[in-house]
């Protein structure tokens, strides 16, 4: 529906990433807020009061599971600039 925004859940946001083959070891996700910042918060379980301004680059690591297991709290915050 044109002009209608829908907030996605923590399980829905990484859906395209979850389908990547395991041979892929790095992913660059580019997007807009609030969806992108919500994705970072969901995947890392970071407190939502940590500011992330426009044009912030964030690195996350996924350890101990495959892409298909990606979900809330599964990533570790590495850095932001």
N, C-alpha and C. Protein backbone atom coordinates (compact mmCIF):
# COMPACT_ATOMS: atom_id res chain seq x y z
N UNK A 1 0.85 -1.18 0.00
CA UNK A 1 0.00 0.00 0.00
C UNK A 1 0.89 1.23 0.00
N UNK A 2 0.78 2.04 -0.99
CA UNK A 2 1.61 3.23 -1.14
C UNK A 2 1.38 4.21 0.00
N UNK A 3 2.49 4.76 0.51
CA UNK A 3 2.40 5.77 1.55
C UNK A 3 2.18 5.21 2.94
N UNK A 4 2.18 3.91 3.10
CA UNK A 4 1.96 3.32 4.41
C UNK A 4 3.23 2.64 4.89
N UNK A 5 3.74 3.08 6.02
CA UNK A 5 4.94 2.47 6.60
C UNK A 5 4.50 1.45 7.64
N UNK A 6 5.25 0.37 7.72
CA UNK A 6 4.95 -0.67 8.71
C UNK A 6 6.24 -1.01 9.43
N UNK A 7 6.23 -0.93 10.75
CA UNK A 7 7.39 -1.31 11.54
C UNK A 7 7.49 -2.83 11.55
N UNK A 8 8.68 -3.34 11.36
CA UNK A 8 8.87 -4.78 11.34
C UNK A 8 9.35 -5.26 12.70
N UNK A 9 9.19 -6.54 12.94
CA UNK A 9 9.62 -7.11 14.20
C UNK A 9 11.08 -7.51 14.11
N UNK A 10 11.69 -7.83 15.24
CA UNK A 10 13.07 -8.27 15.28
C UNK A 10 13.33 -9.51 14.47
N UNK A 11 12.35 -10.36 14.33
CA UNK A 11 12.51 -11.58 13.54
C UNK A 11 12.41 -11.29 12.04
N UNK A 12 11.64 -10.29 11.63
CA UNK A 12 11.43 -9.99 10.22
C UNK A 12 12.59 -9.21 9.60
N UNK A 13 13.19 -8.31 10.35
CA UNK A 13 14.20 -7.41 9.79
C UNK A 13 15.38 -8.12 9.13
N UNK A 14 15.98 -9.13 9.76
CA UNK A 14 17.13 -9.75 9.11
C UNK A 14 16.77 -10.84 8.10
N UNK A 15 15.52 -10.97 7.73
CA UNK A 15 15.08 -12.07 6.86
C UNK A 15 15.91 -12.22 5.59
N UNK A 16 16.21 -11.15 4.83
CA UNK A 16 17.03 -11.33 3.62
C UNK A 16 18.45 -11.83 3.94
N UNK A 17 19.01 -11.39 5.05
CA UNK A 17 20.35 -11.82 5.44
C UNK A 17 20.35 -13.30 5.82
N UNK A 18 19.27 -13.75 6.43
CA UNK A 18 19.19 -15.14 6.89
C UNK A 18 19.22 -16.14 5.74
N UNK A 19 18.98 -15.68 4.52
CA UNK A 19 18.97 -16.59 3.38
C UNK A 19 20.32 -16.68 2.67
N UNK A 20 21.31 -15.94 3.16
CA UNK A 20 22.63 -15.97 2.52
C UNK A 20 23.29 -17.33 2.68
N UNK A 21 24.06 -17.75 1.67
CA UNK A 21 24.79 -19.01 1.81
C UNK A 21 25.91 -18.85 2.84
N UNK A 22 26.28 -19.93 3.48
CA UNK A 22 27.31 -19.88 4.51
C UNK A 22 28.69 -19.53 3.94
N UNK A 23 28.85 -19.60 2.63
CA UNK A 23 30.13 -19.22 2.01
C UNK A 23 30.35 -17.70 2.07
N UNK A 24 29.30 -16.94 2.32
CA UNK A 24 29.40 -15.48 2.47
C UNK A 24 29.83 -15.20 3.91
N UNK A 25 30.94 -14.45 4.06
CA UNK A 25 31.40 -14.18 5.42
C UNK A 25 31.34 -12.71 5.83
N UNK A 26 30.92 -11.83 4.91
CA UNK A 26 30.73 -10.42 5.23
C UNK A 26 29.54 -9.89 4.46
N UNK A 27 28.79 -9.00 5.12
CA UNK A 27 27.61 -8.40 4.50
C UNK A 27 27.61 -6.91 4.80
N UNK A 28 27.29 -6.10 3.79
CA UNK A 28 27.11 -4.67 3.97
C UNK A 28 25.63 -4.38 3.80
N UNK A 29 25.04 -3.82 4.83
CA UNK A 29 23.62 -3.46 4.80
C UNK A 29 23.54 -1.94 4.80
N UNK A 30 22.86 -1.38 3.82
CA UNK A 30 22.69 0.07 3.73
C UNK A 30 21.20 0.35 3.83
N UNK A 31 20.84 1.33 4.64
CA UNK A 31 19.42 1.62 4.79
C UNK A 31 19.19 2.95 5.47
N UNK A 32 17.97 3.14 5.86
CA UNK A 32 17.55 4.39 6.49
C UNK A 32 16.95 4.09 7.86
N UNK A 33 17.02 5.10 8.71
CA UNK A 33 16.37 5.00 10.01
C UNK A 33 14.89 5.31 9.87
N UNK A 34 14.07 4.77 10.72
CA UNK A 34 14.42 4.08 11.95
C UNK A 34 14.65 2.57 11.77
N UNK A 35 14.40 2.03 10.61
CA UNK A 35 14.52 0.58 10.43
C UNK A 35 15.96 0.10 10.65
N UNK A 36 16.94 0.79 10.11
CA UNK A 36 18.32 0.34 10.23
C UNK A 36 18.81 0.39 11.67
N UNK A 37 18.54 1.47 12.36
CA UNK A 37 18.99 1.58 13.76
C UNK A 37 18.26 0.54 14.62
N UNK A 38 16.99 0.29 14.33
CA UNK A 38 16.26 -0.74 15.07
C UNK A 38 16.87 -2.12 14.83
N UNK A 39 17.32 -2.37 13.60
CA UNK A 39 17.97 -3.64 13.28
C UNK A 39 19.23 -3.81 14.13
N UNK A 40 20.05 -2.77 14.21
CA UNK A 40 21.27 -2.83 15.03
C UNK A 40 20.92 -3.11 16.48
N UNK A 41 19.96 -2.38 17.01
CA UNK A 41 19.57 -2.59 18.41
C UNK A 41 19.02 -4.00 18.63
N UNK A 42 18.20 -4.48 17.71
CA UNK A 42 17.62 -5.82 17.85
C UNK A 42 18.69 -6.91 17.79
N UNK A 43 19.59 -6.80 16.82
CA UNK A 43 20.60 -7.85 16.64
C UNK A 43 21.64 -7.88 17.75
N UNK A 44 21.88 -6.74 18.40
CA UNK A 44 22.91 -6.66 19.42
C UNK A 44 22.38 -6.60 20.84
N UNK A 45 21.12 -6.30 21.00
CA UNK A 45 20.54 -6.07 22.33
C UNK A 45 21.19 -4.88 23.03
N UNK A 46 21.73 -3.93 22.24
CA UNK A 46 22.28 -2.70 22.81
C UNK A 46 21.15 -1.88 23.43
N UNK A 47 21.45 -1.13 24.48
CA UNK A 47 20.43 -0.22 25.02
C UNK A 47 20.06 0.80 23.95
N UNK A 48 18.80 1.11 23.81
CA UNK A 48 18.35 1.99 22.75
C UNK A 48 18.70 3.46 22.97
N UNK A 49 19.34 3.77 24.08
CA UNK A 49 19.71 5.16 24.31
C UNK A 49 21.09 5.48 23.75
N UNK A 50 21.80 4.50 23.18
CA UNK A 50 23.08 4.78 22.54
C UNK A 50 22.79 5.46 21.21
N UNK A 51 23.27 6.71 21.02
CA UNK A 51 22.93 7.44 19.80
C UNK A 51 23.65 6.92 18.57
N UNK A 52 22.94 6.89 17.46
CA UNK A 52 23.53 6.57 16.16
C UNK A 52 22.99 7.59 15.19
N UNK A 53 23.83 8.56 14.86
CA UNK A 53 23.44 9.66 13.99
C UNK A 53 23.40 9.23 12.53
N UNK A 54 22.78 10.03 11.66
CA UNK A 54 22.79 9.73 10.23
C UNK A 54 24.23 9.56 9.73
N UNK A 55 24.42 8.66 8.80
CA UNK A 55 25.71 8.34 8.18
C UNK A 55 26.66 7.59 9.11
N UNK A 56 26.15 7.03 10.19
CA UNK A 56 26.98 6.23 11.09
C UNK A 56 27.23 4.87 10.44
N UNK A 57 28.47 4.42 10.53
CA UNK A 57 28.85 3.10 10.05
C UNK A 57 29.03 2.22 11.27
N UNK A 58 28.36 1.09 11.30
CA UNK A 58 28.39 0.19 12.45
C UNK A 58 28.87 -1.18 12.00
N UNK A 59 29.77 -1.77 12.79
CA UNK A 59 30.23 -3.12 12.52
C UNK A 59 29.72 -4.06 13.60
N UNK A 60 29.12 -5.15 13.17
CA UNK A 60 28.63 -6.18 14.08
C UNK A 60 29.31 -7.50 13.73
N UNK A 61 29.44 -8.37 14.70
CA UNK A 61 29.96 -9.70 14.42
C UNK A 61 28.91 -10.74 14.81
N UNK A 62 28.84 -11.76 14.01
CA UNK A 62 27.93 -12.89 14.27
C UNK A 62 28.82 -14.09 14.52
N UNK A 63 28.79 -14.59 15.72
CA UNK A 63 29.65 -15.71 16.07
C UNK A 63 28.83 -16.83 16.67
N UNK A 64 29.19 -18.03 16.32
CA UNK A 64 28.55 -19.19 16.93
C UNK A 64 27.27 -19.66 16.27
N UNK A 65 26.87 -19.04 15.17
CA UNK A 65 25.70 -19.54 14.45
C UNK A 65 25.81 -19.18 12.98
N UNK A 66 24.99 -19.80 12.17
CA UNK A 66 24.97 -19.54 10.73
C UNK A 66 24.02 -18.38 10.45
N UNK A 67 24.08 -17.87 9.21
CA UNK A 67 23.19 -16.76 8.81
C UNK A 67 21.73 -17.10 9.12
N UNK A 68 21.36 -18.33 8.89
CA UNK A 68 19.96 -18.73 9.10
C UNK A 68 19.54 -18.60 10.57
N UNK A 69 20.50 -18.57 11.47
CA UNK A 69 20.20 -18.42 12.89
C UNK A 69 20.21 -16.99 13.38
N UNK A 70 20.40 -16.05 12.46
CA UNK A 70 20.45 -14.64 12.82
C UNK A 70 19.12 -14.18 13.40
N UNK A 71 19.19 -13.46 14.50
CA UNK A 71 17.97 -12.96 15.13
C UNK A 71 18.31 -12.04 16.29
N UNK A 72 17.32 -11.63 17.05
CA UNK A 72 17.54 -10.71 18.16
C UNK A 72 18.61 -11.21 19.14
N UNK A 73 19.56 -10.33 19.43
CA UNK A 73 20.60 -10.63 20.40
C UNK A 73 21.70 -11.55 19.92
N UNK A 74 21.74 -11.90 18.64
CA UNK A 74 22.71 -12.86 18.12
C UNK A 74 24.04 -12.24 17.70
N UNK A 75 24.13 -10.91 17.62
CA UNK A 75 25.35 -10.26 17.17
C UNK A 75 26.02 -9.50 18.31
N UNK A 76 27.30 -9.28 18.12
CA UNK A 76 28.07 -8.48 19.07
C UNK A 76 28.45 -7.16 18.39
N UNK A 77 28.25 -6.07 19.09
CA UNK A 77 28.65 -4.75 18.60
C UNK A 77 30.16 -4.70 18.57
N UNK A 78 30.77 -4.34 17.41
CA UNK A 78 32.22 -4.26 17.30
C UNK A 78 32.70 -2.80 17.38
N UNK A 79 32.12 -1.93 16.54
CA UNK A 79 32.49 -0.52 16.54
C UNK A 79 31.49 0.31 15.74
N UNK A 80 31.60 1.62 15.93
CA UNK A 80 30.79 2.57 15.16
C UNK A 80 31.62 3.83 14.93
N UNK A 81 31.46 4.42 13.73
CA UNK A 81 32.13 5.68 13.42
C UNK A 81 31.16 6.59 12.69
